[in-house]
Amino acid sequence: MPEVFKLKVAARRQVTLPQRVLDLLNLSEGDVLEITVHGDSIVGRGLKLMPSRLFTPEILEQLRKREAELSEGEGIEMTKDELASKFRRRSHAHA
């Protein structure tokens, strides 16, 4: 069941995200929250940004192709917890 959060828009249009939201989206300071507006509703997702200079041209091309696939709805079916667990296992393996 989805969790519901009520956020107040403060001075200068600022919104503070509860820690639970940050945990659910695996976000930390400096990361980006992307939102899409559908009528009077929004859908958001957390993004981890990384400088492109860390990747080879071949990897950048693979990422562009994958982004196009995802934009066309050809995504993977995995929960955010499964995906986060997969990335944690990979990062520990490379540490």
C-alpha atoms as a PDB file:
ATOM      1  CA  MET A   1       0.000   0.000   0.000  1.00  0.00           C
ATOM      2  CA  PRO A   2       1.438   3.417  -0.899  1.00  0.00           C
ATOM      3  CA  GLU A   3       2.436   5.774   1.892  1.00  0.00           C
ATOM      4  CA  VAL A   4       0.893   9.257   1.863  1.00  0.00           C
ATOM      5  CA  PHE A   5       2.765  12.381   2.983  1.00  0.00           C
ATOM      6  CA  LYS A   6       1.423  15.909   3.394  1.00  0.00           C
ATOM      7  CA  LEU A   7       4.030  18.603   2.728  1.00  0.00           C
ATOM      8  CA  LYS A   8       3.637  22.298   3.438  1.00  0.00           C
ATOM      9  CA  VAL A   9       4.902  24.874   0.958  1.00  0.00           C
ATOM     10  CA  ALA A  10       6.903  27.356   3.053  1.00  0.00           C
ATOM     11  CA  ALA A  11       8.480  30.739   2.306  1.00  0.00           C
ATOM     12  CA  ARG A  12      10.092  31.014  -1.125  1.00  0.00           C
ATOM     13  CA  ARG A  13       8.095  27.966  -2.310  1.00  0.00           C
ATOM     14  CA  GLN A  14      10.311  25.596  -0.265  1.00  0.00           C
ATOM     15  CA  VAL A  15       9.187  22.108   0.728  1.00  0.00           C
ATOM     16  CA  THR A  16      10.955  19.933   3.306  1.00  0.00           C
ATOM     17  CA  LEU A  17      10.854  16.213   2.611  1.00  0.00           C
ATOM     18  CA  PRO A  18      10.347  13.943   5.623  1.00  0.00           C
ATOM     19  CA  GLN A  19      13.203  11.522   6.361  1.00  0.00           C
ATOM     20  CA  ARG A  20      10.887   8.612   5.497  1.00  0.00           C
ATOM     21  CA  VAL A  21      10.456   9.980   1.952  1.00  0.00           C
ATOM     22  CA  LEU A  22      14.234  10.303   1.582  1.00  0.00           C
ATOM     23  CA  ASP A  23      14.657   6.735   2.817  1.00  0.00           C
ATOM     24  CA  LEU A  24      11.980   5.352   0.485  1.00  0.00           C
ATOM     25  CA  LEU A  25      13.532   7.105  -2.526  1.00  0.00           C
ATOM     26  CA  ASN A  26      17.104   6.419  -1.405  1.00  0.00           C
ATOM     27  CA  LEU A  27      17.890  10.147  -1.581  1.00  0.00           C
ATOM     28  CA  SER A  28      20.434  12.195   0.307  1.00  0.00           C
ATOM     29  CA  GLU A  29      21.598  15.807   0.252  1.00  0.00           C
ATOM     30  CA  GLY A  30      22.593  16.898  -3.247  1.00  0.00           C
ATOM     31  CA  ASP A  31      20.449  14.306  -5.044  1.00  0.00           C
ATOM     32  CA  VAL A  32      17.582  15.311  -7.328  1.00  0.00           C
ATOM     33  CA  LEU A  33      13.866  14.663  -6.983  1.00  0.00           C
ATOM     34  CA  GLU A  34      12.220  14.582 -10.414  1.00  0.00           C
ATOM     35  CA  ILE A  35       8.469  15.174 -10.483  1.00  0.00           C
ATOM     36  CA  THR A  36       5.946  14.831 -13.269  1.00  0.00           C
ATOM     37  CA  VAL A  37       2.631  16.677 -13.059  1.00  0.00           C
ATOM     38  CA  HIS A  38      -0.501  14.835 -14.239  1.00  0.00           C
ATOM     39  CA  GLY A  39      -3.478  17.183 -13.889  1.00  0.00           C
ATOM     40  CA  ASP A  40      -3.635  17.937 -10.167  1.00  0.00           C
ATOM     41  CA  SER A  41      -1.367  15.029  -9.150  1.00  0.00           C
ATOM     42  CA  ILE A  42       2.380  14.531  -9.168  1.00  0.00           C
ATOM     43  CA  VAL A  43       4.571  11.477  -9.550  1.00  0.00           C
ATOM     44  CA  GLY A  44       8.120  11.717  -8.266  1.00  0.00           C
ATOM     45  CA  ARG A  45      11.294   9.708  -8.374  1.00  0.00           C
ATOM     46  CA  GLY A  46      14.722  10.152  -6.899  1.00  0.00           C
ATOM     47  CA  LEU A  47      17.736  10.558  -9.131  1.00  0.00           C
ATOM     48  CA  LYS A  48      21.376  10.017  -8.270  1.00  0.00           C
ATOM     49  CA  LEU A  49      23.459  12.288 -10.456  1.00  0.00           C
ATOM     50  CA  MET A  50      26.988  11.389 -11.470  1.00  0.00           C
ATOM     51  CA  PRO A  51      29.454  13.374 -13.612  1.00  0.00           C
ATOM     52  CA  SER A  52      29.527  11.976 -17.157  1.00  0.00           C
ATOM     53  CA  ARG A  53      33.320  12.285 -17.287  1.00  0.00           C
ATOM     54  CA  LEU A  54      33.447   9.170 -15.086  1.00  0.00           C
ATOM     55  CA  PHE A  55      32.098   7.052 -17.964  1.00  0.00           C
ATOM     56  CA  THR A  56      33.611   5.879 -21.232  1.00  0.00           C
ATOM     57  CA  PRO A  57      31.910   6.953 -24.486  1.00  0.00           C
ATOM     58  CA  GLU A  58      30.680   3.356 -24.916  1.00  0.00           C
ATOM     59  CA  ILE A  59      28.993   3.331 -21.522  1.00  0.00           C
ATOM     60  CA  LEU A  60      27.446   6.742 -22.178  1.00  0.00           C
ATOM     61  CA  GLU A  61      25.984   5.408 -25.427  1.00  0.00           C
ATOM     62  CA  GLN A  62      24.573   2.360 -23.615  1.00  0.00           C
ATOM     63  CA  LEU A  63      23.022   4.678 -21.020  1.00  0.00           C
ATOM     64  CA  ARG A  64      21.444   6.837 -23.764  1.00  0.00           C
ATOM     65  CA  LYS A  65      19.954   3.738 -25.406  1.00  0.00           C
ATOM     66  CA  ARG A  66      18.634   2.451 -22.091  1.00  0.00           C
ATOM     67  CA  GLU A  67      17.125   5.837 -21.274  1.00  0.00           C
ATOM     68  CA  ALA A  68      15.307   5.785 -24.628  1.00  0.00           C
ATOM     69  CA  GLU A  69      14.004   2.276 -23.880  1.00  0.00           C
ATOM     70  CA  LEU A  70      12.738   3.377 -20.471  1.00  0.00           C
ATOM     71  CA  SER A  71      11.096   6.455 -22.010  1.00  0.00           C
ATOM     72  CA  GLU A  72       9.209   4.120 -24.339  1.00  0.00           C
ATOM     73  CA  GLY A  73       8.004   2.036 -21.398  1.00  0.00           C
ATOM     74  CA  GLU A  74      10.444  -0.822 -21.818  1.00  0.00           C
ATOM     75  CA  GLY A  75      11.472  -0.858 -18.153  1.00  0.00           C
ATOM     76  CA  ILE A  76      12.331  -3.618 -15.774  1.00  0.00           C
ATOM     77  CA  GLU A  77       9.764  -4.895 -13.327  1.00  0.00           C
ATOM     78  CA  MET A  78      11.412  -4.679  -9.938  1.00  0.00           C
ATOM     79  CA  THR A  79      10.393  -3.028  -6.698  1.00  0.00           C
ATOM     80  CA  LYS A  80      12.445  -0.089  -5.470  1.00  0.00           C
ATOM     81  CA  ASP A  81      13.589  -2.237  -2.518  1.00  0.00           C
ATOM     82  CA  GLU A  82      14.810  -5.005  -4.840  1.00  0.00           C
ATOM     83  CA  LEU A  83      16.615  -2.455  -6.998  1.00  0.00           C
ATOM     84  CA  ALA A  84      18.206  -0.718  -3.992  1.00  0.00           C
ATOM     85  CA  SER A  85      19.336  -4.098  -2.640  1.00  0.00           C
ATOM     86  CA  LYS A  86      20.881  -4.966  -6.007  1.00  0.00           C
ATOM     87  CA  PHE A  87      22.845  -1.695  -6.080  1.00  0.00           C
ATOM     88  CA  ARG A  88      23.987  -2.176  -2.468  1.00  0.00           C
ATOM     89  CA  ARG A  89      25.304  -5.660  -3.319  1.00  0.00           C
ATOM     90  CA  ARG A  90      27.149  -4.269  -6.356  1.00  0.00           C
ATOM     91  CA  SER A  91      28.701  -1.393  -4.419  1.00  0.00           C
ATOM     92  CA  HIS A  92      29.914  -3.758  -1.667  1.00  0.00           C
ATOM     93  CA  ALA A  93      31.378  -6.104  -4.278  1.00  0.00           C
ATOM     94  CA  HIS A  94      33.380  -3.231  -5.842  1.00  0.00           C
ATOM     95  CA  ALA A  95      34.504  -1.745  -2.527  1.00  0.00           C
END
